[in-house]
């Protein structure tokens, strides 16, 4: 009888907030909401537990639950407004991951949460914000096993951005640099071969972009400018 149990735990916390049983009741209340697939409320109730009872013996479990919930929303779980499902919100998802990091900045889950922030921004095509998220992971957790993944994603994100810009080669150039940095910094990582292939593909795209610009200037009879890009 999960609903009745949840209500009993909630009443305990509200009636006797200073009781030694309140942290456990709050924890069980949040877990029941998770079991009932009410993930958004569950996350909030776990957050209340962190805010009110930061010394809870379940702290690591709480972080794991919050991380798992944020991952569900990253994968497409719908947020709810007045119990009505809405379209997935990556901004809300990022907020969840940020809270996980704030709750446990030195936990094992923190670097993973930072990486997922980058993924969420990728889904929004917010390329610069995505790169900033990956750079933040490398800056804050340089010894993490995920640091090389973050460096690879920097190149990959700019590669995605380059597909949206026919004339501007900035993203393409940054993508090449990102993959080159990955190869230099992490020579034993598993995506070295893929990085080399990506660089070759990007250079081909770079050439195609130069050709497009050169032909444009050629048609405009701006031959000096066209010559510069043909030479490139």
C-alpha atoms as a PDB file:
ATOM      1  CA  UNK A   1       0.000   0.000   0.000  1.00  0.00           C
ATOM      2  CA  UNK A   2       2.523   2.502  -1.234  1.00  0.00           C
ATOM      3  CA  UNK A   3       0.266   5.558  -1.267  1.00  0.00           C
ATOM      4  CA  UNK A   4      -0.752   5.037   2.364  1.00  0.00           C
ATOM      5  CA  UNK A   5       2.851   4.440   3.411  1.00  0.00           C
ATOM      6  CA  UNK A   6       4.022   7.552   1.554  1.00  0.00           C
ATOM      7  CA  UNK A   7       1.360   9.673   3.248  1.00  0.00           C
ATOM      8  CA  UNK A   8       2.326   8.306   6.672  1.00  0.00           C
ATOM      9  CA  UNK A   9       5.995   9.160   6.101  1.00  0.00           C
ATOM     10  CA  UNK A  10       5.065  12.635   4.875  1.00  0.00           C
ATOM     11  CA  UNK A  11       2.912  13.294   7.944  1.00  0.00           C
ATOM     12  CA  UNK A  12       5.669  12.139  10.255  1.00  0.00           C
ATOM     13  CA  UNK A  13       8.162  14.574   8.738  1.00  0.00           C
ATOM     14  CA  UNK A  14       5.706  17.484   8.798  1.00  0.00           C
ATOM     15  CA  UNK A  15       4.458  16.809  12.340  1.00  0.00           C
ATOM     16  CA  UNK A  16       7.779  15.901  13.981  1.00  0.00           C
ATOM     17  CA  UNK A  17      10.528  17.451  11.814  1.00  0.00           C
ATOM     18  CA  UNK A  18      13.076  17.192  14.658  1.00  0.00           C
ATOM     19  CA  UNK A  19      12.366  13.563  15.388  1.00  0.00           C
ATOM     20  CA  UNK A  20      15.335  11.185  14.904  1.00  0.00           C
ATOM     21  CA  UNK A  21      12.986   9.205  12.657  1.00  0.00           C
ATOM     22  CA  UNK A  22      12.302  12.091  10.282  1.00  0.00           C
ATOM     23  CA  UNK A  23      15.362  11.627   8.006  1.00  0.00           C
ATOM     24  CA  UNK A  24      14.476   7.969   7.460  1.00  0.00           C
ATOM     25  CA  UNK A  25      10.823   8.849   6.838  1.00  0.00           C
ATOM     26  CA  UNK A  26      11.809  11.513   4.305  1.00  0.00           C
ATOM     27  CA  UNK A  27      14.105   9.038   2.548  1.00  0.00           C
ATOM     28  CA  UNK A  28      11.388   6.383   2.331  1.00  0.00           C
ATOM     29  CA  UNK A  29       8.870   8.968   1.143  1.00  0.00           C
ATOM     30  CA  UNK A  30      11.160   9.895  -1.768  1.00  0.00           C
ATOM     31  CA  UNK A  31      11.816   6.257  -2.649  1.00  0.00           C
ATOM     32  CA  UNK A  32       8.104   5.460  -2.796  1.00  0.00           C
ATOM     33  CA  UNK A  33       7.573   8.348  -5.220  1.00  0.00           C
ATOM     34  CA  UNK A  34      10.358   6.843  -7.335  1.00  0.00           C
ATOM     35  CA  UNK A  35       8.645   3.435  -7.260  1.00  0.00           C
ATOM     36  CA  UNK A  36       5.406   5.135  -8.310  1.00  0.00           C
ATOM     37  CA  UNK A  37       7.243   6.643 -11.327  1.00  0.00           C
ATOM     38  CA  UNK A  38       6.688  10.163  -9.999  1.00  0.00           C
ATOM     39  CA  UNK A  39      10.310  10.994 -10.748  1.00  0.00           C
ATOM     40  CA  UNK A  40      10.097  14.778 -10.651  1.00  0.00           C
ATOM     41  CA  UNK A  41       8.562  14.849  -7.161  1.00  0.00           C
ATOM     42  CA  UNK A  42      10.902  12.107  -6.040  1.00  0.00           C
ATOM     43  CA  UNK A  43      13.913  14.218  -7.023  1.00  0.00           C
ATOM     44  CA  UNK A  44      12.515  17.179  -5.071  1.00  0.00           C
ATOM     45  CA  UNK A  45      11.878  15.071  -1.971  1.00  0.00           C
ATOM     46  CA  UNK A  46      15.413  13.696  -2.098  1.00  0.00           C
ATOM     47  CA  UNK A  47      16.617  17.296  -2.360  1.00  0.00           C
ATOM     48  CA  UNK A  48      14.606  18.228   0.745  1.00  0.00           C
ATOM     49  CA  UNK A  49      16.370  15.393   2.544  1.00  0.00           C
ATOM     50  CA  UNK A  50      19.775  16.766   1.533  1.00  0.00           C
ATOM     51  CA  UNK A  51      18.807  20.309   2.538  1.00  0.00           C
ATOM     52  CA  UNK A  52      17.253  19.392   5.905  1.00  0.00           C
ATOM     53  CA  UNK A  53      19.262  16.352   6.949  1.00  0.00           C
ATOM     54  CA  UNK A  54      22.651  16.647   5.254  1.00  0.00           C
ATOM     55  CA  UNK A  55      24.140  14.062   7.631  1.00  0.00           C
ATOM     56  CA  UNK A  56      21.761  11.330   6.474  1.00  0.00           C
ATOM     57  CA  UNK A  57      23.301   7.868   6.429  1.00  0.00           C
ATOM     58  CA  UNK A  58      21.726   7.418   2.985  1.00  0.00           C
ATOM     59  CA  UNK A  59      23.629  10.325   1.409  1.00  0.00           C
ATOM     60  CA  UNK A  60      25.375   8.291  -1.306  1.00  0.00           C
ATOM     61  CA  UNK A  61      22.131   6.491  -2.160  1.00  0.00           C
ATOM     62  CA  UNK A  62      20.351   9.830  -2.452  1.00  0.00           C
ATOM     63  CA  UNK A  63      22.929  11.096  -4.944  1.00  0.00           C
ATOM     64  CA  UNK A  64      22.574   7.904  -6.975  1.00  0.00           C
ATOM     65  CA  UNK A  65      18.786   8.185  -7.076  1.00  0.00           C
ATOM     66  CA  UNK A  66      18.967  11.842  -8.110  1.00  0.00           C
ATOM     67  CA  UNK A  67      21.526  11.044 -10.799  1.00  0.00           C
ATOM     68  CA  UNK A  68      19.388   8.185 -12.150  1.00  0.00           C
ATOM     69  CA  UNK A  69      16.319  10.435 -12.259  1.00  0.00           C
ATOM     70  CA  UNK A  70      18.217  13.148 -14.135  1.00  0.00           C
ATOM     71  CA  UNK A  71      19.407  10.491 -16.617  1.00  0.00           C
ATOM     72  CA  UNK A  72      15.788   9.431 -17.206  1.00  0.00           C
ATOM     73  CA  UNK A  73      14.886  13.008 -18.143  1.00  0.00           C
ATOM     74  CA  UNK A  74      17.984  13.244 -20.330  1.00  0.00           C
ATOM     75  CA  UNK A  75      16.736  10.139 -22.160  1.00  0.00           C
ATOM     76  CA  UNK A  76      13.353  11.753 -22.818  1.00  0.00           C
ATOM     77  CA  UNK A  77      11.236  11.287 -19.695  1.00  0.00           C
ATOM     78  CA  UNK A  78       8.621  14.037 -19.645  1.00  0.00           C
ATOM     79  CA  UNK A  79       8.464  16.706 -16.990  1.00  0.00           C
ATOM     80  CA  UNK A  80       5.066  17.283 -15.383  1.00  0.00           C
ATOM     81  CA  UNK A  81       3.201  20.511 -14.661  1.00  0.00           C
ATOM     82  CA  UNK A  82       0.175  19.983 -12.414  1.00  0.00           C
ATOM     83  CA  UNK A  83       0.549  16.236 -13.071  1.00  0.00           C
ATOM     84  CA  UNK A  84       0.236  16.845 -16.829  1.00  0.00           C
ATOM     85  CA  UNK A  85       3.191  15.528 -18.893  1.00  0.00           C
ATOM     86  CA  UNK A  86       4.949  18.190 -20.932  1.00  0.00           C
ATOM     87  CA  UNK A  87       7.677  17.978 -23.556  1.00  0.00           C
ATOM     88  CA  UNK A  88      11.116  16.930 -22.246  1.00  0.00           C
ATOM     89  CA  UNK A  89      13.067  19.924 -20.949  1.00  0.00           C
ATOM     90  CA  UNK A  90      16.841  19.833 -21.196  1.00  0.00           C
ATOM     91  CA  UNK A  91      17.094  23.027 -19.135  1.00  0.00           C
ATOM     92  CA  UNK A  92      15.341  21.291 -16.228  1.00  0.00           C
ATOM     93  CA  UNK A  93      17.521  18.244 -16.771  1.00  0.00           C
ATOM     94  CA  UNK A  94      20.666  20.369 -16.559  1.00  0.00           C
ATOM     95  CA  UNK A  95      19.357  21.898 -13.318  1.00  0.00           C
ATOM     96  CA  UNK A  96      19.005  18.399 -11.866  1.00  0.00           C
ATOM     97  CA  UNK A  97      22.552  17.405 -12.773  1.00  0.00           C
ATOM     98  CA  UNK A  98      23.832  20.705 -11.374  1.00  0.00           C
ATOM     99  CA  UNK A  99      22.101  19.979  -8.061  1.00  0.00           C
ATOM    100  CA  UNK A 100      23.684  16.535  -7.941  1.00  0.00           C
ATOM    101  CA  UNK A 101      27.114  18.131  -8.411  1.00  0.00           C
ATOM    102  CA  UNK A 102      26.387  20.762  -5.783  1.00  0.00           C
ATOM    103  CA  UNK A 103      25.195  18.104  -3.322  1.00  0.00           C
ATOM    104  CA  UNK A 104      28.275  15.938  -3.792  1.00  0.00           C
ATOM    105  CA  UNK A 105      31.013  17.880  -5.608  1.00  0.00           C
ATOM    106  CA  UNK A 106      33.668  15.285  -4.718  1.00  0.00           C
ATOM    107  CA  UNK A 107      31.536  12.192  -5.230  1.00  0.00           C
ATOM    108  CA  UNK A 108      32.080   9.648  -7.994  1.00  0.00           C
ATOM    109  CA  UNK A 109      28.807  10.760  -9.547  1.00  0.00           C
ATOM    110  CA  UNK A 110      29.832  14.423  -9.927  1.00  0.00           C
ATOM    111  CA  UNK A 111      32.066  13.979 -13.024  1.00  0.00           C
ATOM    112  CA  UNK A 112      29.393  11.804 -14.666  1.00  0.00           C
ATOM    113  CA  UNK A 113      26.787  14.475 -13.985  1.00  0.00           C
ATOM    114  CA  UNK A 114      29.035  17.139 -15.513  1.00  0.00           C
ATOM    115  CA  UNK A 115      29.461  14.991 -18.626  1.00  0.00           C
ATOM    116  CA  UNK A 116      25.696  14.562 -18.912  1.00  0.00           C
ATOM    117  CA  UNK A 117      25.233  18.343 -18.773  1.00  0.00           C
ATOM    118  CA  UNK A 118      27.300  18.476 -21.952  1.00  0.00           C
ATOM    119  CA  UNK A 119      25.087  15.798 -23.532  1.00  0.00           C
ATOM    120  CA  UNK A 120      21.955  17.770 -22.625  1.00  0.00           C
ATOM    121  CA  UNK A 121      23.320  20.933 -24.221  1.00  0.00           C
ATOM    122  CA  UNK A 122      24.231  18.914 -27.331  1.00  0.00           C
ATOM    123  CA  UNK A 123      20.597  17.856 -27.623  1.00  0.00           C
ATOM    124  CA  UNK A 124      19.649  21.540 -27.596  1.00  0.00           C
ATOM    125  CA  UNK A 125      22.280  22.330 -30.249  1.00  0.00           C
ATOM    126  CA  UNK A 126      23.801  24.746 -27.740  1.00  0.00           C
ATOM    127  CA  UNK A 127      27.281  23.905 -28.944  1.00  0.00           C
ATOM    128  CA  UNK A 128      29.231  26.513 -26.987  1.00  0.00           C
ATOM    129  CA  UNK A 129      27.465  25.634 -23.717  1.00  0.00           C
ATOM    130  CA  UNK A 130      28.086  21.973 -24.389  1.00  0.00           C
ATOM    131  CA  UNK A 131      31.817  22.580 -24.863  1.00  0.00           C
ATOM    132  CA  UNK A 132      31.907  24.685 -21.690  1.00  0.00           C
ATOM    133  CA  UNK A 133      30.398  21.773 -19.766  1.00  0.00           C
ATOM    134  CA  UNK A 134      33.088  19.397 -21.030  1.00  0.00           C
ATOM    135  CA  UNK A 135      35.836  21.918 -20.334  1.00  0.00           C
ATOM    136  CA  UNK A 136      34.470  22.320 -16.807  1.00  0.00           C
ATOM    137  CA  UNK A 137      34.742  18.568 -16.264  1.00  0.00           C
ATOM    138  CA  UNK A 138      38.391  18.582 -17.348  1.00  0.00           C
ATOM    139  CA  UNK A 139      39.120  21.621 -15.175  1.00  0.00           C
ATOM    140  CA  UNK A 140      37.417  20.339 -12.014  1.00  0.00           C
ATOM    141  CA  UNK A 141      38.152  16.633 -12.362  1.00  0.00           C
ATOM    142  CA  UNK A 142      41.398  16.305 -14.365  1.00  0.00           C
ATOM    143  CA  UNK A 143      42.174  12.881 -12.849  1.00  0.00           C
ATOM    144  CA  UNK A 144      38.731  11.462 -13.568  1.00  0.00           C
ATOM    145  CA  UNK A 145      38.410   8.524 -15.951  1.00  0.00           C
ATOM    146  CA  UNK A 146      35.920  10.705 -17.837  1.00  0.00           C
ATOM    147  CA  UNK A 147      38.382  13.516 -18.610  1.00  0.00           C
ATOM    148  CA  UNK A 148      39.421  11.887 -21.900  1.00  0.00           C
ATOM    149  CA  UNK A 149      35.752  11.383 -22.844  1.00  0.00           C
ATOM    150  CA  UNK A 150      35.132  15.075 -22.214  1.00  0.00           C
ATOM    151  CA  UNK A 151      38.072  16.054 -24.439  1.00  0.00           C
ATOM    152  CA  UNK A 152      36.801  13.807 -27.220  1.00  0.00           C
ATOM    153  CA  UNK A 153      33.315  15.293 -26.881  1.00  0.00           C
ATOM    154  CA  UNK A 154      34.748  18.799 -27.343  1.00  0.00           C
ATOM    155  CA  UNK A 155      35.951  17.810 -30.795  1.00  0.00           C
ATOM    156  CA  UNK A 156      32.760  15.881 -31.510  1.00  0.00           C
ATOM    157  CA  UNK A 157      30.526  18.781 -30.466  1.00  0.00           C
ATOM    158  CA  UNK A 158      32.327  21.214 -32.751  1.00  0.00           C
ATOM    159  CA  UNK A 159      32.104  18.616 -35.521  1.00  0.00           C
ATOM    160  CA  UNK A 160      28.319  18.581 -35.101  1.00  0.00           C
ATOM    161  CA  UNK A 161      28.293  22.389 -35.101  1.00  0.00           C
ATOM    162  CA  UNK A 162      30.327  22.473 -38.324  1.00  0.00           C
ATOM    163  CA  UNK A 163      27.515  20.694 -40.179  1.00  0.00           C
ATOM    164  CA  UNK A 164      25.258  23.696 -39.604  1.00  0.00           C
ATOM    165  CA  UNK A 165      27.699  26.221 -41.098  1.00  0.00           C
ATOM    166  CA  UNK A 166      28.511  25.972 -44.799  1.00  0.00           C
ATOM    167  CA  UNK A 167      30.652  29.089 -45.010  1.00  0.00           C
ATOM    168  CA  UNK A 168      31.972  29.646 -41.508  1.00  0.00           C
ATOM    169  CA  UNK A 169      34.897  27.290 -40.911  1.00  0.00           C
ATOM    170  CA  UNK A 170      35.360  28.267 -37.253  1.00  0.00           C
ATOM    171  CA  UNK A 171      33.600  25.204 -35.849  1.00  0.00           C
ATOM    172  CA  UNK A 172      35.457  22.902 -38.239  1.00  0.00           C
ATOM    173  CA  UNK A 173      38.821  24.342 -37.186  1.00  0.00           C
ATOM    174  CA  UNK A 174      37.922  24.012 -33.501  1.00  0.00           C
ATOM    175  CA  UNK A 175      36.772  20.421 -34.038  1.00  0.00           C
ATOM    176  CA  UNK A 176      40.121  19.511 -35.599  1.00  0.00           C
ATOM    177  CA  UNK A 177      41.975  21.144 -32.711  1.00  0.00           C
ATOM    178  CA  UNK A 178      39.731  19.333 -30.214  1.00  0.00           C
ATOM    179  CA  UNK A 179      40.521  15.925 -31.700  1.00  0.00           C
ATOM    180  CA  UNK A 180      44.219  16.759 -32.011  1.00  0.00           C
ATOM    181  CA  UNK A 181      44.274  17.706 -28.320  1.00  0.00           C
ATOM    182  CA  UNK A 182      42.575  14.417 -27.507  1.00  0.00           C
ATOM    183  CA  UNK A 183      45.219  12.459 -29.425  1.00  0.00           C
ATOM    184  CA  UNK A 184      48.039  14.403 -27.757  1.00  0.00           C
ATOM    185  CA  UNK A 185      46.730  14.318 -24.185  1.00  0.00           C
ATOM    186  CA  UNK A 186      45.293  10.807 -24.147  1.00  0.00           C
ATOM    187  CA  UNK A 187      47.366   8.720 -26.615  1.00  0.00           C
ATOM    188  CA  UNK A 188      46.259   5.424 -25.033  1.00  0.00           C
ATOM    189  CA  UNK A 189      42.530   6.143 -25.076  1.00  0.00           C
ATOM    190  CA  UNK A 190      40.165   3.948 -27.028  1.00  0.00           C
ATOM    191  CA  UNK A 191      38.980   6.535 -29.557  1.00  0.00           C
ATOM    192  CA  UNK A 192      42.362   7.470 -31.045  1.00  0.00           C
ATOM    193  CA  UNK A 193      41.666   5.776 -34.377  1.00  0.00           C
ATOM    194  CA  UNK A 194      38.210   7.321 -34.544  1.00  0.00           C
ATOM    195  CA  UNK A 195      39.728  10.737 -33.838  1.00  0.00           C
ATOM    196  CA  UNK A 196      42.152  10.386 -36.749  1.00  0.00           C
ATOM    197  CA  UNK A 197      39.250   9.435 -39.022  1.00  0.00           C
ATOM    198  CA  UNK A 198      37.230  12.417 -37.793  1.00  0.00           C
ATOM    199  CA  UNK A 199      40.141  14.775 -38.487  1.00  0.00           C
ATOM    200  CA  UNK A 200      40.445  13.472 -42.059  1.00  0.00           C
ATOM    201  CA  UNK A 201      36.720  13.856 -42.577  1.00  0.00           C
ATOM    202  CA  UNK A 202      36.801  17.378 -41.167  1.00  0.00           C
ATOM    203  CA  UNK A 203      39.715  18.371 -43.402  1.00  0.00           C
ATOM    204  CA  UNK A 204      37.710  17.138 -46.370  1.00  0.00           C
ATOM    205  CA  UNK A 205      34.776  19.270 -45.214  1.00  0.00           C
ATOM    206  CA  UNK A 206      37.139  22.162 -44.675  1.00  0.00           C
ATOM    207  CA  UNK A 207      38.309  21.840 -48.277  1.00  0.00           C
ATOM    208  CA  UNK A 208      34.739  21.662 -49.517  1.00  0.00           C
ATOM    209  CA  UNK A 209      33.922  24.834 -47.570  1.00  0.00           C
ATOM    210  CA  UNK A 210      36.914  26.689 -49.017  1.00  0.00           C
ATOM    211  CA  UNK A 211      35.872  25.590 -52.503  1.00  0.00           C
ATOM    212  CA  UNK A 212      32.325  26.855 -51.979  1.00  0.00           C
ATOM    213  CA  UNK A 213      33.585  30.272 -50.850  1.00  0.00           C
ATOM    214  CA  UNK A 214      36.135  30.437 -53.689  1.00  0.00           C
ATOM    215  CA  UNK A 215      33.469  29.703 -56.296  1.00  0.00           C
ATOM    216  CA  UNK A 216      31.214  32.339 -54.763  1.00  0.00           C
ATOM    217  CA  UNK A 217      33.893  35.017 -55.106  1.00  0.00           C
ATOM    218  CA  UNK A 218      34.721  33.703 -58.589  1.00  0.00           C
ATOM    219  CA  UNK A 219      31.117  34.262 -59.711  1.00  0.00           C
ATOM    220  CA  UNK A 220      31.235  37.746 -58.208  1.00  0.00           C
ATOM    221  CA  UNK A 221      34.405  38.371 -60.245  1.00  0.00           C
ATOM    222  CA  UNK A 222      36.302  39.098 -57.035  1.00  0.00           C
ATOM    223  CA  UNK A 223      39.265  37.159 -58.301  1.00  0.00           C
ATOM    224  CA  UNK A 224      41.799  38.138 -55.624  1.00  0.00           C
ATOM    225  CA  UNK A 225      39.511  36.836 -52.888  1.00  0.00           C
ATOM    226  CA  UNK A 226      38.690  33.727 -54.924  1.00  0.00           C
ATOM    227  CA  UNK A 227      42.381  33.036 -55.426  1.00  0.00           C
ATOM    228  CA  UNK A 228      42.991  33.124 -51.662  1.00  0.00           C
ATOM    229  CA  UNK A 229      40.389  30.424 -51.063  1.00  0.00           C
ATOM    230  CA  UNK A 230      41.435  28.297 -54.047  1.00  0.00           C
ATOM    231  CA  UNK A 231      44.949  28.324 -52.627  1.00  0.00           C
ATOM    232  CA  UNK A 232      43.645  27.244 -49.212  1.00  0.00           C
END
